[in-house]
Amino acid sequence: MTAMTADYVRVAPLIVVVEDEAIVLAGYQMLFESWGYRVIAAISADDALRQLDESEGRPGLILADLRLRDGCTGTDAIARVRAVCGIDVPGVLVTGDTAGERLNQAAALGLPILHKPVNGRHLQDLLQRTVGPA
């Protein structure tokens, strides 16, 4: 009998980004991919769900802008992705908003908030703590 060894291929963690400003979305995608992460870059929750349906694996993190178009919020987008995945995927909100009501809502849901402009080093540290290195 011979011993068999398995070769394991490490798959980079998948990050879902929901941001309705195309240039900001492209920036996140380029940054995360340069760090070695796989990225679903979506302009809306619907777009994220379509892309997730076509991708392999579950996301390790959802990063969503608090204010999205058509009255949707980042909290809505995170909730919808979590529901489809069937797991409590970690979520983070990004906002320039300082209104107490919205920030309190995010805190009540246990969602950390990053304030714009987002510091790249803090973002990279957050990704590594949440999903591990790419």
Protein backbone atom coordinates (compact mmCIF):
# COMPACT_ATOMS: atom_id res chain seq x y z
CA MET A 1 0.00 0.00 0.00
CA THR A 2 1.41 3.39 -0.90
CA ALA A 3 0.86 6.56 1.04
CA MET A 4 -1.06 9.18 -0.85
CA THR A 5 -0.61 12.84 -0.28
CA ALA A 6 -3.19 15.39 -1.16
CA ASP A 7 -2.28 18.66 -2.70
CA TYR A 8 -4.50 21.39 -1.38
CA VAL A 9 -5.05 24.54 -3.33
CA ARG A 10 -5.78 27.49 -1.12
CA VAL A 11 -8.57 29.62 -2.53
CA ALA A 12 -8.41 33.30 -1.71
CA PRO A 13 -11.27 34.61 0.44
CA LEU A 14 -14.22 36.13 -1.41
CA ILE A 15 -15.22 39.70 -0.55
CA VAL A 16 -18.56 41.16 -1.67
CA VAL A 17 -18.49 44.94 -2.14
CA VAL A 18 -21.75 46.83 -2.66
CA GLU A 19 -21.14 50.44 -3.69
CA ASP A 20 -23.27 52.48 -6.08
CA GLU A 21 -20.54 54.91 -7.15
CA ALA A 22 -18.73 53.17 -10.01
CA ILE A 23 -15.34 54.81 -9.48
CA VAL A 24 -15.34 54.03 -5.76
CA LEU A 25 -16.43 50.44 -6.48
CA ALA A 26 -13.62 50.03 -9.02
CA GLY A 27 -11.16 51.39 -6.46
CA TYR A 28 -12.18 48.84 -3.83
CA GLN A 29 -12.01 46.04 -6.39
CA MET A 30 -8.53 46.99 -7.57
CA LEU A 31 -7.27 47.40 -4.01
CA PHE A 32 -8.67 44.10 -2.72
CA GLU A 33 -7.47 42.18 -5.77
CA SER A 34 -4.00 43.70 -5.38
CA TRP A 35 -4.00 42.22 -1.86
CA GLY A 36 -4.91 38.82 -3.32
CA TYR A 37 -8.62 38.61 -2.48
CA ARG A 38 -11.37 37.52 -4.87
CA VAL A 39 -13.98 40.25 -5.26
CA ILE A 40 -17.60 40.53 -6.27
CA ALA A 41 -17.98 44.22 -7.08
CA ALA A 42 -21.66 45.15 -7.22
CA ILE A 43 -23.55 48.41 -7.70
CA SER A 44 -26.61 47.12 -5.82
CA ALA A 45 -27.82 44.26 -3.65
CA ASP A 46 -29.54 42.74 -6.71
CA ASP A 47 -26.28 42.91 -8.66
CA ALA A 48 -24.41 41.25 -5.77
CA LEU A 49 -26.95 38.43 -5.60
CA ARG A 50 -26.73 37.83 -9.38
CA GLN A 51 -22.95 37.63 -9.22
CA LEU A 52 -22.99 35.41 -6.14
CA ASP A 53 -25.27 33.00 -7.96
CA GLU A 54 -22.62 32.68 -10.68
CA SER A 55 -19.63 32.42 -8.35
CA GLU A 56 -18.13 29.58 -6.40
CA GLY A 57 -17.83 29.68 -2.65
CA ARG A 58 -19.37 31.81 0.00
CA PRO A 59 -18.21 35.29 0.86
CA GLY A 60 -16.04 35.86 3.88
CA LEU A 61 -17.04 39.51 4.19
CA ILE A 62 -19.60 41.97 2.84
CA LEU A 63 -18.50 45.60 2.60
CA ALA A 64 -21.40 47.91 1.77
CA ASP A 65 -21.89 51.63 1.49
CA LEU A 66 -24.56 52.73 3.95
CA ARG A 67 -26.47 54.83 1.42
CA LEU A 68 -27.25 53.14 -1.86
CA ARG A 69 -29.57 54.16 -4.68
CA ASP A 70 -33.30 53.53 -4.85
CA GLY A 71 -33.77 53.84 -1.10
CA CYS A 72 -31.74 50.70 -0.39
CA THR A 73 -29.19 50.78 2.41
CA GLY A 74 -26.02 48.88 3.06
CA THR A 75 -27.77 47.16 5.97
CA ASP A 76 -30.41 45.92 3.50
CA ALA A 77 -27.71 44.65 1.12
CA ILE A 78 -25.88 42.82 3.91
CA ALA A 79 -29.11 41.23 5.14
CA ARG A 80 -30.03 40.03 1.64
CA VAL A 81 -26.61 38.50 0.96
CA ARG A 82 -26.67 36.79 4.36
CA ALA A 83 -30.14 35.39 3.67
CA VAL A 84 -29.10 33.92 0.32
CA CYS A 85 -25.88 32.46 1.75
CA GLY A 86 -27.69 30.98 4.73
CA ILE A 87 -24.93 32.07 7.09
CA ASP A 88 -24.15 35.16 9.12
CA VAL A 89 -21.45 36.55 6.82
CA PRO A 90 -19.51 39.34 8.57
CA GLY A 91 -20.61 42.74 7.31
CA VAL A 92 -19.06 46.19 7.44
CA LEU A 93 -20.67 49.49 6.50
CA VAL A 94 -18.84 52.41 4.92
CA THR A 95 -20.28 55.89 5.28
CA GLY A 96 -19.60 59.57 5.32
CA ASP A 97 -22.85 60.00 7.23
CA THR A 98 -22.63 61.13 10.82
CA ALA A 99 -26.37 61.17 11.53
CA GLY A 100 -26.96 59.48 14.86
CA GLU A 101 -30.06 57.56 13.76
CA ARG A 102 -28.31 55.65 10.97
CA LEU A 103 -25.21 55.00 13.02
CA ASN A 104 -27.32 53.73 15.92
CA GLN A 105 -29.20 51.41 13.55
CA ALA A 106 -25.93 49.92 12.31
CA ALA A 107 -24.63 49.54 15.86
CA ALA A 108 -27.86 47.80 16.92
CA LEU A 109 -27.30 45.26 14.13
CA GLY A 110 -23.71 44.70 15.25
CA LEU A 111 -22.26 46.10 12.03
CA PRO A 112 -18.94 47.90 12.32
CA ILE A 113 -18.70 51.22 10.51
CA LEU A 114 -15.78 52.65 8.56
CA HIS A 115 -15.98 56.38 8.01
CA LYS A 116 -15.02 57.94 4.70
CA PRO A 117 -12.40 58.53 3.64
CA VAL A 118 -11.42 54.96 4.45
CA ASN A 119 -7.81 54.41 5.48
CA GLY A 120 -6.30 51.63 3.35
CA ARG A 121 -4.17 50.24 6.19
CA HIS A 122 -7.22 49.99 8.49
CA LEU A 123 -9.18 48.30 5.72
CA GLN A 124 -6.44 45.76 5.07
CA ASP A 125 -6.15 45.03 8.80
CA LEU A 126 -9.93 44.56 8.98
CA LEU A 127 -9.87 42.08 6.08
CA GLN A 128 -7.03 40.09 7.59
CA ARG A 129 -8.73 39.93 11.01
CA THR A 130 -12.10 38.99 9.51
CA VAL A 131 -11.31 36.59 6.66
CA GLY A 132 -7.59 35.98 7.05
CA PRO A 133 -4.78 36.73 4.67
CA ALA A 134 -5.32 36.36 0.95
